[in-house]
Amino acid sequence: MRAALRIRRSWPEVGVLVSSQHLETGWVTRLLADGAAGLGYLLKERVARTSEFVDALHRVAAGGTARSTN
């Protein structure tokens, strides 16, 4: 998460997709502070579903967002 924050602050045009074992609301809030464009946060259980992971990568790369809903 620290690396993701650093990337977002240093290069805001770079998309970032974070995968985490647990929902870390404090970190997510900090990550979203400067906007959600090009940002994804997925729980690792979602990464195991290849089609959802690839879809999230495409959305973030295109400047969209991706997030786990549960």
Protein backbone atom coordinates (compact mmCIF):
# COMPACT_ATOMS: atom_id res chain seq x y z
CA MET A 1 0.00 0.00 0.00
CA ARG A 2 2.86 2.38 0.72
CA ALA A 3 4.26 1.73 -2.76
CA ALA A 4 0.83 2.32 -4.32
CA LEU A 5 0.51 5.64 -2.47
CA ARG A 6 3.99 6.69 -3.57
CA ILE A 7 3.27 5.81 -7.20
CA ARG A 8 -0.04 7.70 -7.16
CA ARG A 9 1.60 10.80 -5.68
CA SER A 10 4.69 10.75 -7.89
CA TRP A 11 3.07 9.64 -11.16
CA PRO A 12 -0.70 10.24 -10.96
CA GLU A 13 -1.14 9.24 -14.60
CA VAL A 14 0.03 5.67 -13.85
CA GLY A 15 -2.72 3.16 -13.12
CA VAL A 16 -2.40 1.19 -9.89
CA LEU A 17 -4.12 -2.10 -9.08
CA VAL A 18 -3.69 -3.27 -5.48
CA SER A 19 -4.48 -6.77 -4.26
CA SER A 20 -4.96 -7.39 -0.56
CA GLN A 21 -5.91 -10.30 1.68
CA HIS A 22 -8.12 -8.06 3.84
CA LEU A 23 -10.11 -4.89 3.23
CA GLU A 24 -7.95 -2.07 4.60
CA THR A 25 -10.37 0.86 4.66
CA GLY A 26 -7.85 3.36 6.04
CA TRP A 27 -5.37 2.65 3.26
CA VAL A 28 -8.09 2.64 0.61
CA THR A 29 -9.30 6.04 1.81
CA ARG A 30 -5.77 7.44 1.56
CA LEU A 31 -5.32 5.90 -1.87
CA LEU A 32 -8.60 7.42 -3.12
CA ALA A 33 -7.90 10.86 -1.64
CA ASP A 34 -6.67 12.26 -4.95
CA GLY A 35 -9.31 10.56 -7.09
CA ALA A 36 -10.21 7.10 -8.25
CA ALA A 37 -9.29 7.31 -11.94
CA GLY A 38 -6.82 4.58 -12.87
CA LEU A 39 -7.12 2.89 -9.51
CA GLY A 40 -8.12 -0.61 -8.47
CA TYR A 41 -8.32 -2.40 -5.14
CA LEU A 42 -9.17 -6.08 -5.17
CA LEU A 43 -9.32 -8.65 -2.46
CA LYS A 44 -7.06 -11.59 -3.25
CA GLU A 45 -10.05 -13.91 -3.62
CA ARG A 46 -10.96 -11.85 -6.71
CA VAL A 47 -7.47 -12.20 -8.16
CA ALA A 48 -7.96 -15.98 -8.16
CA ARG A 49 -10.78 -15.48 -10.67
CA THR A 50 -8.69 -14.86 -13.77
CA SER A 51 -11.44 -13.29 -15.87
CA GLU A 52 -12.29 -10.74 -13.14
CA PHE A 53 -8.62 -9.92 -12.60
CA VAL A 54 -7.98 -9.36 -16.32
CA ASP A 55 -11.13 -7.23 -16.57
CA ALA A 56 -9.91 -5.12 -13.63
CA LEU A 57 -6.50 -4.68 -15.27
CA HIS A 58 -8.11 -3.44 -18.49
CA ARG A 59 -10.39 -1.01 -16.65
CA VAL A 60 -7.57 0.47 -14.57
CA ALA A 61 -5.26 0.72 -17.60
CA ALA A 62 -7.99 2.64 -19.44
CA GLY A 63 -8.28 5.14 -16.55
CA GLY A 64 -11.26 3.49 -14.91
CA THR A 65 -11.65 1.91 -11.51
CA ALA A 66 -11.92 -1.59 -10.11
CA ARG A 67 -12.82 -2.61 -6.60
CA SER A 68 -13.97 -5.60 -4.63
CA THR A 69 -17.59 -5.33 -3.63
CA ASN A 70 -17.35 -7.71 -0.69
